[in-house]
Protein backbone atom coordinates (compact mmCIF):
# COMPACT_ATOMS: atom_id res chain seq x y z
CA MET A 1 28.87 29.39 -91.59
CA SER A 2 25.82 31.06 -90.45
CA HIS A 3 24.09 27.72 -90.69
CA LEU A 4 26.83 26.08 -88.73
CA PHE A 5 26.76 28.79 -86.13
CA GLY A 6 22.97 28.49 -85.79
CA LEU A 7 23.27 24.71 -85.59
CA VAL A 8 25.85 24.94 -82.79
CA ILE A 9 23.74 27.38 -80.87
CA GLU A 10 20.62 25.28 -81.27
CA SER A 11 22.59 22.14 -80.31
CA LEU A 12 23.87 23.95 -77.25
CA VAL A 13 20.31 25.03 -76.37
CA ALA A 14 19.11 21.40 -76.87
CA VAL A 15 21.86 20.08 -74.56
CA LEU A 16 21.00 22.72 -71.97
CA LEU A 17 17.33 21.78 -72.30
CA LEU A 18 18.23 18.10 -71.76
CA VAL A 19 20.26 19.03 -68.67
CA THR A 20 17.36 21.14 -67.43
CA ILE A 21 14.91 18.27 -68.02
CA GLY A 22 17.22 15.88 -66.14
CA TYR A 23 17.57 18.36 -63.28
CA CYS A 24 13.77 18.88 -63.20
CA THR A 25 13.29 15.10 -63.09
CA LEU A 26 15.74 14.90 -60.17
CA LEU A 27 13.93 17.75 -58.37
CA ASN A 28 10.58 16.08 -59.05
CA ARG A 29 11.79 12.85 -57.37
CA ARG A 30 13.09 14.77 -54.40
CA LEU A 31 9.82 16.70 -54.09
CA LYS A 32 7.85 13.43 -54.19
CA ARG A 33 10.04 12.03 -51.40
CA LEU A 34 9.59 15.22 -49.43
CA LYS A 35 5.80 15.02 -49.88
CA ALA A 36 5.85 11.37 -48.76
CA ASP A 37 7.95 12.31 -45.75
CA GLU A 38 5.53 15.13 -45.01
CA GLN A 39 2.63 12.65 -44.95
CA SER A 40 4.51 10.31 -42.63
CA MET A 41 5.44 13.26 -40.41
CA ARG A 42 1.80 14.33 -40.28
CA ALA A 43 0.80 10.77 -39.34
CA MET A 44 3.52 10.68 -36.68
CA ILE A 45 2.39 14.05 -35.27
CA ALA A 46 -1.22 12.82 -35.17
CA GLU A 47 -0.11 9.67 -33.29
CA LEU A 48 1.92 11.80 -30.89
CA ILE A 49 -1.09 14.04 -30.20
CA THR A 50 -3.26 10.96 -29.57
CA ALA A 51 -0.67 9.46 -27.23
CA THR A 52 -0.41 12.78 -25.37
CA GLU A 53 -4.18 12.94 -24.88
CA ILE A 54 -4.25 9.35 -23.62
CA ALA A 55 -1.41 10.13 -21.20
CA GLU A 56 -3.22 13.23 -19.92
CA ARG A 57 -6.37 11.17 -19.26
CA ALA A 58 -4.30 8.50 -17.50
CA ILE A 59 -2.64 11.15 -15.33
CA GLY A 60 -6.06 12.55 -14.42
CA GLY A 61 -7.23 9.04 -13.49
CA LEU A 62 -4.13 8.50 -11.39
CA LYS A 63 -4.73 11.78 -9.56
CA VAL A 64 -8.29 10.70 -8.75
CA THR A 65 -7.04 7.31 -7.57
CA VAL A 66 -4.41 8.92 -5.36
CA ARG A 67 -7.03 11.22 -3.85
CA GLU A 68 -9.35 8.27 -3.14
CA CYS A 69 -6.51 6.23 -1.63
CA ASP A 70 -5.54 9.16 0.56
CA GLU A 71 -9.12 9.51 1.80
CA ASN A 72 -9.46 5.76 2.40
CA LEU A 73 -6.14 5.56 4.23
CA GLY A 74 -7.09 8.58 6.32
CA ALA A 75 -10.39 6.97 7.27
CA GLN A 76 -8.69 3.66 8.06
CA LEU A 77 -6.05 5.44 10.12
CA ALA A 78 -8.74 7.26 12.10
CA ALA A 79 -10.63 3.98 12.62
CA GLY A 80 -7.40 2.30 13.71
CA THR A 81 -6.68 5.08 16.19
CA THR A 82 -10.21 4.81 17.60
CA LEU A 83 -9.90 1.03 17.85
CA SER A 84 -6.51 1.36 19.54
CA ALA A 85 -7.99 3.72 22.13
CA LYS A 86 -10.91 1.32 22.75
CA LEU A 87 -8.54 -1.62 23.11
CA SER A 88 -6.39 0.37 25.51
CA LYS A 89 -9.46 1.15 27.65
CA GLN A 90 -10.51 -2.50 27.54
CA VAL A 91 -7.03 -3.68 28.56
CA THR A 92 -7.08 -1.24 31.46
CA ALA A 93 -10.54 -2.46 32.46
CA GLY A 94 -9.36 -6.08 32.15
CA GLU A 95 -6.38 -5.36 34.39
CA THR A 96 -8.74 -3.78 36.94
CA VAL A 97 -11.01 -6.85 36.85
CA LEU A 98 -7.96 -9.13 37.18
CA ASN A 99 -6.74 -7.18 40.20
CA ARG A 100 -10.17 -7.42 41.81
CA LEU A 101 -10.34 -11.16 41.13
CA THR A 102 -6.87 -11.56 42.63
CA GLN A 103 -7.98 -9.68 45.73
CA ILE A 104 -11.11 -11.87 45.94
CA ALA A 105 -9.01 -15.00 45.55
CA LEU A 106 -6.57 -13.87 48.21
CA ALA A 107 -9.40 -12.93 50.55
CA ALA A 108 -11.13 -16.28 49.98
CA ARG A 109 -8.00 -18.27 50.83
CA PRO A 110 -7.56 -19.49 54.36
CA ALA A 111 -4.67 -17.76 56.13
CA GLY A 112 -2.94 -21.05 57.05
CA ALA A 113 -2.94 -22.30 53.46
CA ASP A 114 -0.81 -19.33 52.39
CA VAL A 115 1.86 -20.02 54.98
CA GLN A 116 1.89 -23.79 54.31
CA ALA A 117 2.08 -23.30 50.53
CA ALA A 118 4.93 -20.80 50.89
CA ALA A 119 6.86 -23.07 53.29
CA ALA A 120 6.41 -26.10 51.03
CA ALA A 121 7.52 -24.08 48.00
CA ASP A 122 10.63 -22.77 49.85
CA VAL A 123 11.71 -26.26 50.87
CA ALA A 124 10.97 -28.03 47.57
CA GLU A 125 12.11 -25.44 45.02
CA PRO A 126 15.12 -23.16 44.53
CA PRO A 127 14.47 -19.38 44.73
CA ALA A 128 14.45 -18.89 40.92
CA GLN A 129 11.66 -21.42 40.49
CA HIS A 130 9.86 -20.15 43.58
CA ALA A 131 8.61 -17.00 41.77
CA SER A 132 7.26 -18.95 38.82
CA ALA A 133 5.67 -21.53 41.13
CA GLN A 134 4.08 -18.76 43.16
CA ASN A 135 2.76 -17.16 39.96
CA MET A 136 1.37 -20.53 38.91
CA SER A 137 -0.28 -21.09 42.30
CA ASN A 138 -1.66 -17.52 42.14
CA ALA A 139 -3.05 -18.27 38.71
CA LYS A 140 -4.64 -21.50 39.94
CA ALA A 141 -6.04 -19.71 42.96
CA LEU A 142 -7.37 -16.97 40.74
CA LEU A 143 -9.00 -19.53 38.47
CA ALA A 144 -10.59 -21.31 41.38
CA ALA A 145 -11.83 -18.01 42.84
CA ALA A 146 -13.25 -16.94 39.51
CA GLN A 147 -15.06 -20.27 39.13
CA ALA A 148 -16.43 -20.02 42.64
CA PHE A 149 -17.54 -16.46 42.04
CA SER A 150 -19.22 -17.51 38.80
CA GLU A 151 -20.97 -20.42 40.55
CA ARG A 152 -22.28 -18.10 43.27
CA ARG A 153 -23.58 -15.66 40.67
CA ARG A 154 -25.32 -18.43 38.78
CA ALA A 155 -26.84 -19.76 41.97
CA THR A 156 -28.27 -16.37 42.87
CA GLY A 157 -29.50 -15.85 39.30
CA LEU A 158 -27.44 -12.76 38.61
CA ALA A 159 -25.34 -14.34 35.85
CA ALA A 160 -26.26 -13.59 32.29
């Protein structure tokens, strides 16, 4: 019996050793998978760090671009404001010249021609068209006066 008892105990130890070997094999597979996952996680972390650095550089570039755009737009806005002021002065000067030319044209017209033109316009046209016809005749008179003025300046040699 002592042999039988020893054989049972050794058989039980052998079975437990087989179970332990199986469990160790299972743990070994799991550890290999964990190591493989660790490598892929390290690769993923390295890619994430690279992507973060690229994004930081891109953000820095965008900040520089925004600053440059702001400076350029500020300069263009200042130039536009200056140009607007110059144009406003030129329009005012043009209106002054136009008023002077109108005065010259009116002064150069014979007094009887004004009355005859107004009487002919009153008879031939209704009042609504009278204002536009008068504006048109003023424009023609202004043109004629400006041409005459230009001819006189050329004749005296003062024209450019």
